[in-house]
Amino acid sequence: MGEAVTEPAAVPALSGTQAAILAAYAELIEELGSDDVSYRVIARRAGIAERTVFRNYPTRVDLLLATAAWIEATLFVREESHSIFDIPLAIRDAMQRYDARPELAHVVAETAMRGVSGAAPSPGRAHLERLLDAEVPSLDKAERRAIIAALSHLDSAGTWVTFHREFGMDRRDIADAAAWAAEAVLDSIRDRVAS
């Protein structure tokens, strides 16, 4: 396995004020939950006026989308894999990071699951496509799409939430199950790797 470097998430550039708002909201979500946080409390935590929060994020949906993207880009940063076959380890690591900060994982997952306009449920899709193109160029479109869809779904806060809520799994079990599932997806193409 090669040296890992951080893969930047697709997040628009933020002003210092916007970053302060999102950081304050993320902190408060961990302390109070996402439903119990008012704009006034966010403003107080960020050290700004309440109207400044409204000016930057006029609706709760705007604030939630921006916060979920910020959380993914700053707190749940993924390490870039250099091989498609390293993805199961990256997924295992992601599941452990989600487990360490469950309130924030729920916010990211719920934003993506709701299908809220602007949510990015698979931020690593382009990277998966590049890896498959380089390592297994013989895949037909349908196989390629199925593998990318499966790996993108497995590498998500939504997967962590499902395993945690639906199955009552704990940290290690979630990480093992997600990595095992990713390995199973990749097993079908291991013998087709380009030399």
N, C-alpha and C. Protein backbone atom coordinates (compact mmCIF):
# COMPACT_ATOMS: atom_id res chain seq x y z
N MET A 1 0.86 -1.17 0.00
CA MET A 1 0.00 0.00 0.00
C MET A 1 0.90 1.22 0.00
N GLY A 2 0.60 2.19 -0.88
CA GLY A 2 1.43 3.39 -1.01
C GLY A 2 1.14 4.39 0.08
N GLU A 3 1.92 5.47 0.03
CA GLU A 3 1.75 6.54 0.99
C GLU A 3 0.42 7.24 0.74
N ALA A 4 -0.35 7.48 1.78
CA ALA A 4 -1.67 8.09 1.65
C ALA A 4 -1.56 9.61 1.77
N VAL A 5 -2.32 10.28 0.94
CA VAL A 5 -2.43 11.73 1.04
C VAL A 5 -3.90 12.09 1.15
N THR A 6 -4.15 13.22 1.74
CA THR A 6 -5.54 13.61 1.95
C THR A 6 -6.19 14.00 0.64
N GLU A 7 -7.38 13.50 0.40
CA GLU A 7 -8.17 13.85 -0.77
C GLU A 7 -9.07 15.02 -0.41
N PRO A 8 -8.93 16.15 -1.10
CA PRO A 8 -9.76 17.28 -0.75
C PRO A 8 -11.22 17.04 -1.11
N ALA A 9 -12.09 17.43 -0.24
CA ALA A 9 -13.53 17.31 -0.50
C ALA A 9 -13.98 18.52 -1.31
N ALA A 10 -15.06 18.34 -2.02
CA ALA A 10 -15.59 19.43 -2.84
C ALA A 10 -16.43 20.35 -1.97
N VAL A 11 -15.82 21.39 -1.43
CA VAL A 11 -16.52 22.35 -0.60
C VAL A 11 -16.16 23.74 -1.11
N PRO A 12 -17.16 24.59 -1.30
CA PRO A 12 -16.84 25.94 -1.76
C PRO A 12 -15.97 26.67 -0.73
N ALA A 13 -15.19 27.61 -1.21
CA ALA A 13 -14.35 28.40 -0.32
C ALA A 13 -15.25 29.16 0.66
N LEU A 14 -14.82 29.17 1.90
CA LEU A 14 -15.60 29.83 2.94
C LEU A 14 -14.87 31.06 3.44
N SER A 15 -15.63 32.07 3.84
CA SER A 15 -15.03 33.21 4.52
C SER A 15 -14.72 32.78 5.95
N GLY A 16 -13.95 33.58 6.66
CA GLY A 16 -13.65 33.29 8.05
C GLY A 16 -14.91 33.25 8.90
N THR A 17 -15.85 34.13 8.58
CA THR A 17 -17.12 34.17 9.31
C THR A 17 -17.92 32.90 9.07
N GLN A 18 -18.01 32.48 7.81
CA GLN A 18 -18.74 31.26 7.49
C GLN A 18 -18.12 30.05 8.18
N ALA A 19 -16.81 29.95 8.15
CA ALA A 19 -16.13 28.82 8.82
C ALA A 19 -16.41 28.85 10.32
N ALA A 20 -16.42 30.04 10.92
CA ALA A 20 -16.71 30.16 12.36
C ALA A 20 -18.13 29.71 12.66
N ILE A 21 -19.07 30.08 11.79
CA ILE A 21 -20.47 29.68 11.98
C ILE A 21 -20.59 28.16 11.92
N LEU A 22 -20.01 27.56 10.90
CA LEU A 22 -20.12 26.11 10.72
C LEU A 22 -19.42 25.34 11.83
N ALA A 23 -18.26 25.82 12.25
CA ALA A 23 -17.55 25.17 13.36
C ALA A 23 -18.36 25.27 14.65
N ALA A 24 -18.95 26.45 14.89
CA ALA A 24 -19.76 26.63 16.09
C ALA A 24 -20.98 25.70 16.06
N TYR A 25 -21.64 25.64 14.90
CA TYR A 25 -22.81 24.77 14.79
C TYR A 25 -22.43 23.31 14.99
N ALA A 26 -21.33 22.87 14.40
CA ALA A 26 -20.88 21.48 14.58
C ALA A 26 -20.61 21.18 16.06
N GLU A 27 -19.95 22.09 16.75
CA GLU A 27 -19.69 21.90 18.19
C GLU A 27 -21.01 21.77 18.95
N LEU A 28 -21.94 22.64 18.63
CA LEU A 28 -23.23 22.64 19.32
C LEU A 28 -24.05 21.40 19.00
N ILE A 29 -23.95 20.91 17.79
CA ILE A 29 -24.64 19.66 17.45
C ILE A 29 -24.15 18.53 18.34
N GLU A 30 -22.85 18.47 18.55
CA GLU A 30 -22.31 17.41 19.42
C GLU A 30 -22.76 17.59 20.86
N GLU A 31 -22.93 18.81 21.29
CA GLU A 31 -23.34 19.07 22.67
C GLU A 31 -24.84 18.95 22.88
N LEU A 32 -25.64 19.45 21.93
CA LEU A 32 -27.08 19.59 22.14
C LEU A 32 -27.95 18.81 21.16
N GLY A 33 -27.40 18.37 20.05
CA GLY A 33 -28.19 17.78 18.98
C GLY A 33 -28.55 18.85 17.97
N SER A 34 -28.85 18.46 16.75
CA SER A 34 -29.07 19.45 15.68
C SER A 34 -30.38 20.21 15.82
N ASP A 35 -31.39 19.63 16.43
CA ASP A 35 -32.70 20.29 16.52
C ASP A 35 -32.77 21.33 17.62
N ASP A 36 -31.87 21.28 18.57
CA ASP A 36 -31.94 22.16 19.72
C ASP A 36 -31.04 23.39 19.63
N VAL A 37 -30.56 23.70 18.43
CA VAL A 37 -29.61 24.79 18.29
C VAL A 37 -30.26 25.95 17.51
N SER A 38 -30.38 27.08 18.18
CA SER A 38 -30.96 28.26 17.52
C SER A 38 -29.85 29.09 16.87
N TYR A 39 -30.25 29.96 15.97
CA TYR A 39 -29.29 30.86 15.33
C TYR A 39 -28.63 31.75 16.39
N ARG A 40 -29.38 32.13 17.41
CA ARG A 40 -28.83 32.97 18.47
C ARG A 40 -27.70 32.25 19.21
N VAL A 41 -27.90 30.98 19.50
CA VAL A 41 -26.87 30.21 20.20
C VAL A 41 -25.64 30.02 19.30
N ILE A 42 -25.87 29.77 18.02
CA ILE A 42 -24.76 29.63 17.07
C ILE A 42 -23.96 30.93 17.01
N ALA A 43 -24.67 32.05 16.90
CA ALA A 43 -24.01 33.35 16.83
C ALA A 43 -23.17 33.61 18.08
N ARG A 44 -23.75 33.33 19.22
CA ARG A 44 -23.03 33.54 20.49
C ARG A 44 -21.75 32.70 20.51
N ARG A 45 -21.85 31.42 20.12
CA ARG A 45 -20.68 30.53 20.11
C ARG A 45 -19.63 31.01 19.11
N ALA A 46 -20.07 31.53 17.95
CA ALA A 46 -19.14 31.98 16.91
C ALA A 46 -18.59 33.38 17.19
N GLY A 47 -19.19 34.08 18.17
CA GLY A 47 -18.73 35.43 18.50
C GLY A 47 -19.14 36.48 17.48
N ILE A 48 -20.33 36.29 16.91
CA ILE A 48 -20.83 37.22 15.90
C ILE A 48 -22.29 37.57 16.21
N ALA A 49 -22.84 38.48 15.42
CA ALA A 49 -24.25 38.86 15.59
C ALA A 49 -25.15 37.80 14.94
N GLU A 50 -26.33 37.63 15.52
CA GLU A 50 -27.29 36.65 14.99
C GLU A 50 -27.65 36.95 13.54
N ARG A 51 -27.78 38.22 13.19
CA ARG A 51 -28.13 38.58 11.81
C ARG A 51 -27.04 38.15 10.83
N THR A 52 -25.81 38.04 11.30
CA THR A 52 -24.72 37.59 10.43
C THR A 52 -24.91 36.12 10.06
N VAL A 53 -25.40 35.33 10.99
CA VAL A 53 -25.69 33.93 10.70
C VAL A 53 -26.79 33.87 9.64
N PHE A 54 -27.86 34.64 9.83
CA PHE A 54 -28.97 34.68 8.87
C PHE A 54 -28.51 35.17 7.50
N ARG A 55 -27.63 36.15 7.48
CA ARG A 55 -27.15 36.70 6.22
C ARG A 55 -26.38 35.64 5.43
N ASN A 56 -25.62 34.82 6.11
CA ASN A 56 -24.83 33.78 5.45
C ASN A 56 -25.63 32.53 5.14
N TYR A 57 -26.55 32.19 6.03
CA TYR A 57 -27.36 30.96 5.89
C TYR A 57 -28.81 31.30 6.21
N PRO A 58 -29.55 31.82 5.21
CA PRO A 58 -30.91 32.33 5.46
C PRO A 58 -31.91 31.28 5.95
N THR A 59 -31.69 30.00 5.62
CA THR A 59 -32.62 28.96 6.07
C THR A 59 -31.86 27.87 6.80
N ARG A 60 -32.62 27.08 7.57
CA ARG A 60 -32.01 25.94 8.28
C ARG A 60 -31.42 24.94 7.28
N VAL A 61 -32.09 24.78 6.14
CA VAL A 61 -31.58 23.85 5.12
C VAL A 61 -30.23 24.34 4.60
N ASP A 62 -30.10 25.64 4.33
CA ASP A 62 -28.83 26.20 3.89
C ASP A 62 -27.73 25.92 4.93
N LEU A 63 -28.06 26.16 6.18
CA LEU A 63 -27.10 25.94 7.26
C LEU A 63 -26.74 24.46 7.38
N LEU A 64 -27.72 23.60 7.31
CA LEU A 64 -27.49 22.17 7.44
C LEU A 64 -26.63 21.63 6.30
N LEU A 65 -26.95 22.04 5.06
CA LEU A 65 -26.15 21.60 3.91
C LEU A 65 -24.69 22.05 4.03
N ALA A 66 -24.51 23.30 4.36
CA ALA A 66 -23.16 23.83 4.48
C ALA A 66 -22.40 23.15 5.62
N THR A 67 -23.09 22.90 6.71
CA THR A 67 -22.44 22.25 7.85
C THR A 67 -22.07 20.81 7.52
N ALA A 68 -22.97 20.08 6.87
CA ALA A 68 -22.66 18.69 6.49
C ALA A 68 -21.45 18.64 5.56
N ALA A 69 -21.39 19.54 4.58
CA ALA A 69 -20.25 19.58 3.67
C ALA A 69 -18.97 19.94 4.43
N TRP A 70 -19.06 20.89 5.36
CA TRP A 70 -17.90 21.31 6.15
C TRP A 70 -17.41 20.15 7.03
N ILE A 71 -18.35 19.44 7.65
CA ILE A 71 -17.98 18.30 8.50
C ILE A 71 -17.23 17.25 7.68
N GLU A 72 -17.77 16.91 6.50
CA GLU A 72 -17.11 15.91 5.64
C GLU A 72 -15.72 16.38 5.23
N ALA A 73 -15.58 17.67 4.91
CA ALA A 73 -14.32 18.19 4.40
C ALA A 73 -13.26 18.42 5.48
N THR A 74 -13.70 18.63 6.72
CA THR A 74 -12.73 18.96 7.76
C THR A 74 -12.60 17.91 8.86
N LEU A 75 -13.69 17.29 9.24
CA LEU A 75 -13.65 16.35 10.37
C LEU A 75 -13.65 14.89 9.94
N PHE A 76 -14.23 14.61 8.79
CA PHE A 76 -14.28 13.23 8.28
C PHE A 76 -13.48 13.11 6.98
N VAL A 77 -12.35 13.76 6.93
CA VAL A 77 -11.50 13.75 5.74
C VAL A 77 -11.05 12.31 5.48
N ARG A 78 -11.14 11.92 4.22
CA ARG A 78 -10.70 10.58 3.83
C ARG A 78 -9.28 10.64 3.30
N GLU A 79 -8.56 9.59 3.55
CA GLU A 79 -7.23 9.45 2.97
C GLU A 79 -7.40 8.93 1.55
N GLU A 80 -6.66 9.50 0.63
CA GLU A 80 -6.74 9.07 -0.76
C GLU A 80 -6.08 7.71 -0.91
N SER A 81 -6.78 6.80 -1.53
CA SER A 81 -6.24 5.46 -1.80
C SER A 81 -5.54 5.48 -3.15
N HIS A 82 -4.46 4.73 -3.24
CA HIS A 82 -3.70 4.68 -4.48
C HIS A 82 -4.07 3.47 -5.32
N SER A 83 -4.90 2.61 -4.79
CA SER A 83 -5.38 1.44 -5.52
C SER A 83 -6.84 1.21 -5.15
N ILE A 84 -7.61 0.76 -6.11
CA ILE A 84 -9.01 0.44 -5.84
C ILE A 84 -9.11 -0.63 -4.75
N PHE A 85 -8.09 -1.45 -4.63
CA PHE A 85 -8.12 -2.54 -3.66
C PHE A 85 -7.74 -2.09 -2.25
N ASP A 86 -7.37 -0.82 -2.10
CA ASP A 86 -7.14 -0.23 -0.77
C ASP A 86 -8.42 0.38 -0.20
N ILE A 87 -9.45 0.49 -1.01
CA ILE A 87 -10.70 1.13 -0.60
C ILE A 87 -11.33 0.46 0.64
N PRO A 88 -11.33 -0.87 0.74
CA PRO A 88 -11.92 -1.44 1.96
C PRO A 88 -11.27 -0.94 3.25
N LEU A 89 -9.95 -0.74 3.24
CA LEU A 89 -9.28 -0.20 4.44
C LEU A 89 -9.70 1.24 4.70
N ALA A 90 -9.84 2.01 3.62
CA ALA A 90 -10.29 3.40 3.77
C ALA A 90 -11.71 3.45 4.32
N ILE A 91 -12.55 2.53 3.88
CA ILE A 91 -13.93 2.47 4.38
C ILE A 91 -13.93 2.08 5.85
N ARG A 92 -13.10 1.14 6.23
CA ARG A 92 -12.98 0.75 7.64
C ARG A 92 -12.61 1.97 8.49
N ASP A 93 -11.62 2.73 8.03
CA ASP A 93 -11.20 3.93 8.77
C ASP A 93 -12.32 4.96 8.86
N ALA A 94 -13.05 5.15 7.76
CA ALA A 94 -14.16 6.12 7.76
C ALA A 94 -15.22 5.71 8.78
N MET A 95 -15.55 4.43 8.84
CA MET A 95 -16.56 3.96 9.79
C MET A 95 -16.12 4.23 11.22
N GLN A 96 -14.84 4.07 11.50
CA GLN A 96 -14.34 4.33 12.85
C GLN A 96 -14.39 5.82 13.18
N ARG A 97 -14.12 6.68 12.18
CA ARG A 97 -14.23 8.12 12.42
C ARG A 97 -15.69 8.53 12.68
N TYR A 98 -16.61 7.95 11.92
CA TYR A 98 -18.03 8.24 12.15
C TYR A 98 -18.43 7.80 13.55
N ASP A 99 -17.95 6.64 13.96
CA ASP A 99 -18.31 6.12 15.27
C ASP A 99 -17.77 7.00 16.40
N ALA A 100 -16.64 7.64 16.17
CA ALA A 100 -16.05 8.51 17.20
C ALA A 100 -16.85 9.81 17.38
N ARG A 101 -17.63 10.20 16.35
CA ARG A 101 -18.40 11.44 16.41
C ARG A 101 -19.81 11.19 15.86
N PRO A 102 -20.59 10.41 16.58
CA PRO A 102 -21.88 9.94 16.05
C PRO A 102 -22.88 11.05 15.73
N GLU A 103 -22.95 12.08 16.53
CA GLU A 103 -23.92 13.16 16.25
C GLU A 103 -23.62 13.79 14.89
N LEU A 104 -22.35 14.01 14.61
CA LEU A 104 -21.97 14.62 13.33
C LEU A 104 -22.18 13.64 12.18
N ALA A 105 -21.94 12.37 12.41
CA ALA A 105 -22.19 11.36 11.37
C ALA A 105 -23.67 11.34 11.02
N HIS A 106 -24.53 11.47 12.01
CA HIS A 106 -25.97 11.49 11.75
C HIS A 106 -26.36 12.70 10.90
N VAL A 107 -25.77 13.85 11.18
CA VAL A 107 -26.09 15.05 10.40
C VAL A 107 -25.68 14.86 8.94
N VAL A 108 -24.49 14.35 8.72
CA VAL A 108 -24.01 14.12 7.35
C VAL A 108 -24.91 13.11 6.65
N ALA A 109 -25.23 12.02 7.33
CA ALA A 109 -26.05 10.97 6.73
C ALA A 109 -27.46 11.46 6.44
N GLU A 110 -28.06 12.12 7.38
CA GLU A 110 -29.44 12.58 7.19
C GLU A 110 -29.54 13.62 6.08
N THR A 111 -28.54 14.46 5.95
CA THR A 111 -28.54 15.44 4.87
C THR A 111 -28.50 14.72 3.52
N ALA A 112 -27.63 13.73 3.40
CA ALA A 112 -27.52 12.98 2.15
C ALA A 112 -28.76 12.12 1.91
N MET A 113 -29.26 11.46 2.95
CA MET A 113 -30.40 10.56 2.80
C MET A 113 -31.70 11.28 2.46
N ARG A 114 -31.86 12.48 2.95
CA ARG A 114 -33.07 13.25 2.67
C ARG A 114 -33.14 13.67 1.21
N GLY A 115 -32.00 13.57 0.52
CA GLY A 115 -31.99 14.01 -0.86
C GLY A 115 -32.10 15.52 -0.96
N VAL A 116 -31.63 16.19 0.08
CA VAL A 116 -31.69 17.65 0.09
C VAL A 116 -30.89 18.18 -1.09
N SER A 117 -31.48 19.08 -1.83
CA SER A 117 -30.80 19.64 -2.99
C SER A 117 -29.44 20.20 -2.60
N GLY A 118 -28.42 19.78 -3.32
CA GLY A 118 -27.07 20.26 -3.04
C GLY A 118 -26.25 19.31 -2.20
N ALA A 119 -26.86 18.29 -1.62
CA ALA A 119 -26.11 17.33 -0.81
C ALA A 119 -25.23 16.49 -1.71
N ALA A 120 -24.05 16.14 -1.24
CA ALA A 120 -23.11 15.34 -2.02
C ALA A 120 -22.92 13.99 -1.34
N PRO A 121 -23.77 12.99 -1.64
CA PRO A 121 -23.69 11.72 -0.93
C PRO A 121 -22.46 10.88 -1.24
N SER A 122 -21.80 11.13 -2.39
CA SER A 122 -20.61 10.33 -2.70
C SER A 122 -19.46 11.22 -3.14
N PRO A 123 -18.83 11.88 -2.18
CA PRO A 123 -17.77 12.81 -2.53
C PRO A 123 -16.55 12.15 -3.17
N GLY A 124 -16.34 10.86 -2.99
CA GLY A 124 -15.18 10.18 -3.54
C GLY A 124 -15.43 9.49 -4.87
N ARG A 125 -16.57 9.71 -5.47
CA ARG A 125 -16.93 9.01 -6.71
C ARG A 125 -15.90 9.23 -7.82
N ALA A 126 -15.48 10.46 -8.04
CA ALA A 126 -14.52 10.75 -9.12
C ALA A 126 -13.20 10.01 -8.87
N HIS A 127 -12.80 9.91 -7.63
CA HIS A 127 -11.56 9.19 -7.29
C HIS A 127 -11.72 7.70 -7.59
N LEU A 128 -12.86 7.13 -7.25
CA LEU A 128 -13.11 5.72 -7.56
C LEU A 128 -13.08 5.49 -9.07
N GLU A 129 -13.66 6.40 -9.81
CA GLU A 129 -13.66 6.27 -11.27
C GLU A 129 -12.23 6.29 -11.82
N ARG A 130 -11.40 7.19 -11.32
CA ARG A 130 -9.99 7.26 -11.77
C ARG A 130 -9.25 5.97 -11.45
N LEU A 131 -9.46 5.45 -10.23
CA LEU A 131 -8.77 4.22 -9.85
C LEU A 131 -9.19 3.05 -10.74
N LEU A 132 -10.48 2.91 -10.97
CA LEU A 132 -10.96 1.82 -11.84
C LEU A 132 -10.44 1.98 -13.26
N ASP A 133 -10.45 3.20 -13.80
CA ASP A 133 -9.93 3.43 -15.14
C ASP A 133 -8.47 3.00 -15.25
N ALA A 134 -7.69 3.29 -14.22
CA ALA A 134 -6.26 2.98 -14.25
C ALA A 134 -5.97 1.50 -14.02
N GLU A 135 -6.72 0.88 -13.12
CA GLU A 135 -6.38 -0.49 -12.73
C GLU A 135 -7.18 -1.58 -13.43
N VAL A 136 -8.40 -1.28 -13.80
CA VAL A 136 -9.26 -2.30 -14.42
C VAL A 136 -10.00 -1.66 -15.61
N PRO A 137 -9.25 -1.27 -16.62
CA PRO A 137 -9.89 -0.58 -17.75
C PRO A 137 -10.81 -1.47 -18.58
N SER A 138 -10.73 -2.78 -18.39
CA SER A 138 -11.55 -3.71 -19.18
C SER A 138 -13.00 -3.81 -18.70
N LEU A 139 -13.36 -3.15 -17.62
CA LEU A 139 -14.73 -3.23 -17.12
C LEU A 139 -15.70 -2.61 -18.12
N ASP A 140 -16.84 -3.27 -18.29
CA ASP A 140 -17.86 -2.64 -19.13
C ASP A 140 -18.60 -1.61 -18.28
N LYS A 141 -19.41 -0.77 -18.94
CA LYS A 141 -20.09 0.34 -18.26
C LYS A 141 -20.95 -0.12 -17.09
N ALA A 142 -21.69 -1.19 -17.29
CA ALA A 142 -22.60 -1.66 -16.24
C ALA A 142 -21.83 -2.14 -15.01
N GLU A 143 -20.75 -2.91 -15.22
CA GLU A 143 -19.94 -3.39 -14.10
C GLU A 143 -19.30 -2.22 -13.37
N ARG A 144 -18.75 -1.30 -14.13
CA ARG A 144 -18.08 -0.14 -13.56
C ARG A 144 -19.06 0.66 -12.70
N ARG A 145 -20.24 0.93 -13.25
CA ARG A 145 -21.26 1.70 -12.52
C ARG A 145 -21.68 0.97 -11.24
N ALA A 146 -21.86 -0.35 -11.32
CA ALA A 146 -22.28 -1.12 -10.13
C ALA A 146 -21.20 -1.08 -9.05
N ILE A 147 -19.95 -1.21 -9.42
CA ILE A 147 -18.85 -1.19 -8.44
C ILE A 147 -18.74 0.19 -7.81
N ILE A 148 -18.80 1.24 -8.62
CA ILE A 148 -18.71 2.60 -8.08
C ILE A 148 -19.90 2.89 -7.17
N ALA A 149 -21.08 2.47 -7.57
CA ALA A 149 -22.27 2.70 -6.73
C ALA A 149 -22.14 1.98 -5.40
N ALA A 150 -21.72 0.73 -5.43
CA ALA A 150 -21.60 -0.05 -4.19
C ALA A 150 -20.54 0.55 -3.27
N LEU A 151 -19.37 0.85 -3.81
CA LEU A 151 -18.30 1.40 -2.97
C LEU A 151 -18.66 2.79 -2.45
N SER A 152 -19.31 3.61 -3.28
CA SER A 152 -19.73 4.95 -2.82
C SER A 152 -20.73 4.84 -1.69
N HIS A 153 -21.65 3.90 -1.82
CA HIS A 153 -22.65 3.72 -0.77
C HIS A 153 -22.00 3.21 0.52
N LEU A 154 -21.09 2.26 0.39
CA LEU A 154 -20.43 1.71 1.57
C LEU A 154 -19.58 2.77 2.28
N ASP A 155 -18.98 3.67 1.51
CA ASP A 155 -18.11 4.70 2.08
C ASP A 155 -18.93 5.95 2.38
N SER A 156 -19.89 5.80 3.28
CA SER A 156 -20.76 6.94 3.60
C SER A 156 -21.22 6.90 5.05
N ALA A 157 -21.54 8.06 5.54
CA ALA A 157 -22.11 8.14 6.89
C ALA A 157 -23.44 7.41 6.95
N GLY A 158 -24.14 7.35 5.82
CA GLY A 158 -25.42 6.63 5.77
C GLY A 158 -25.25 5.16 6.09
N THR A 159 -24.18 4.57 5.60
CA THR A 159 -23.90 3.16 5.91
C THR A 159 -23.65 3.00 7.41
N TRP A 160 -22.85 3.91 7.98
CA TRP A 160 -22.58 3.83 9.41
C TRP A 160 -23.88 3.93 10.21
N VAL A 161 -24.72 4.90 9.85
CA VAL A 161 -25.99 5.09 10.56
C VAL A 161 -26.86 3.84 10.45
N THR A 162 -26.95 3.27 9.25
CA THR A 162 -27.77 2.07 9.05
C THR A 162 -27.27 0.92 9.92
N PHE A 163 -25.98 0.66 9.89
CA PHE A 163 -25.43 -0.44 10.70
C PHE A 163 -25.65 -0.17 12.19
N HIS A 164 -25.49 1.08 12.58
CA HIS A 164 -25.62 1.44 14.00
C HIS A 164 -27.07 1.38 14.47
N ARG A 165 -27.95 2.07 13.74
CA ARG A 165 -29.37 2.14 14.14
C ARG A 165 -30.13 0.86 13.87
N GLU A 166 -30.04 0.38 12.64
CA GLU A 166 -30.86 -0.76 12.22
C GLU A 166 -30.41 -2.08 12.81
N PHE A 167 -29.10 -2.25 12.93
CA PHE A 167 -28.57 -3.53 13.37
C PHE A 167 -27.95 -3.49 14.76
N GLY A 168 -27.87 -2.32 15.37
CA GLY A 168 -27.31 -2.20 16.72
C GLY A 168 -25.85 -2.61 16.80
N MET A 169 -25.12 -2.44 15.71
CA MET A 169 -23.72 -2.85 15.67
C MET A 169 -22.85 -1.82 16.37
N ASP A 170 -21.70 -2.27 16.87
CA ASP A 170 -20.77 -1.35 17.52
C ASP A 170 -19.62 -1.02 16.57
N ARG A 171 -18.71 -0.21 17.06
CA ARG A 171 -17.62 0.34 16.25
C ARG A 171 -16.87 -0.71 15.43
N ARG A 172 -16.38 -1.72 16.09
CA ARG A 172 -15.58 -2.72 15.39
C ARG A 172 -16.42 -3.51 14.41
N ASP A 173 -17.63 -3.90 14.81
CA ASP A 173 -18.50 -4.67 13.92
C ASP A 173 -18.86 -3.87 12.68
N ILE A 174 -19.13 -2.57 12.84
CA ILE A 174 -19.46 -1.73 11.69
C ILE A 174 -18.28 -1.65 10.74
N ALA A 175 -17.11 -1.36 11.28
CA ALA A 175 -15.91 -1.25 10.44
C ALA A 175 -15.64 -2.56 9.71
N ASP A 176 -15.76 -3.68 10.42
CA ASP A 176 -15.52 -4.99 9.80
C ASP A 176 -16.54 -5.29 8.70
N ALA A 177 -17.82 -5.03 8.98
CA ALA A 177 -18.88 -5.34 8.01
C ALA A 177 -18.73 -4.49 6.74
N ALA A 178 -18.45 -3.20 6.91
CA ALA A 178 -18.31 -2.33 5.74
C ALA A 178 -17.08 -2.72 4.92
N ALA A 179 -15.97 -3.01 5.58
CA ALA A 179 -14.76 -3.42 4.86
C ALA A 179 -14.97 -4.77 4.17
N TRP A 180 -15.63 -5.69 4.85
CA TRP A 180 -15.91 -7.00 4.25
C TRP A 180 -16.78 -6.84 3.01
N ALA A 181 -17.81 -6.01 3.09
CA ALA A 181 -18.69 -5.79 1.95
C ALA A 181 -17.93 -5.18 0.78
N ALA A 182 -17.04 -4.24 1.06
CA ALA A 182 -16.23 -3.64 0.00
C ALA A 182 -15.31 -4.68 -0.64
N GLU A 183 -14.73 -5.54 0.20
CA GLU A 183 -13.89 -6.63 -0.34
C GLU A 183 -14.71 -7.53 -1.25
N ALA A 184 -15.93 -7.85 -0.85
CA ALA A 184 -16.79 -8.72 -1.66
C ALA A 184 -17.10 -8.07 -3.01
N VAL A 185 -17.32 -6.77 -3.02
CA VAL A 185 -17.57 -6.04 -4.28
C VAL A 185 -16.36 -6.16 -5.19
N LEU A 186 -15.18 -6.03 -4.61
CA LEU A 186 -13.95 -6.03 -5.42
C LEU A 186 -13.48 -7.43 -5.82
N ASP A 187 -13.92 -8.46 -5.11
CA ASP A 187 -13.49 -9.82 -5.44
C ASP A 187 -13.76 -10.19 -6.88
N SER A 188 -14.87 -9.69 -7.42
CA SER A 188 -15.26 -10.06 -8.78
C SER A 188 -14.33 -9.49 -9.85
N ILE A 189 -13.48 -8.54 -9.50
CA ILE A 189 -12.60 -7.94 -10.51
C ILE A 189 -11.11 -8.13 -10.24
N ARG A 190 -10.77 -8.81 -9.17
CA ARG A 190 -9.35 -8.95 -8.81
C ARG A 190 -8.53 -9.61 -9.92
N ASP A 191 -9.11 -10.56 -10.62
CA ASP A 191 -8.34 -11.28 -11.65
C ASP A 191 -8.28 -10.50 -12.97
N ARG A 192 -8.86 -9.31 -13.02
CA ARG A 192 -8.88 -8.52 -14.25
C ARG A 192 -8.03 -7.27 -14.19
N VAL A 193 -7.16 -7.19 -13.20
CA VAL A 193 -6.32 -6.02 -13.02
C VAL A 193 -5.34 -5.90 -14.18
N ALA A 194 -5.22 -4.68 -14.73
CA ALA A 194 -4.29 -4.43 -15.82
C ALA A 194 -2.86 -4.57 -15.34
N SER A 195 -2.03 -5.17 -16.14
CA SER A 195 -0.62 -5.36 -15.75
C SER A 195 0.20 -4.13 -16.00
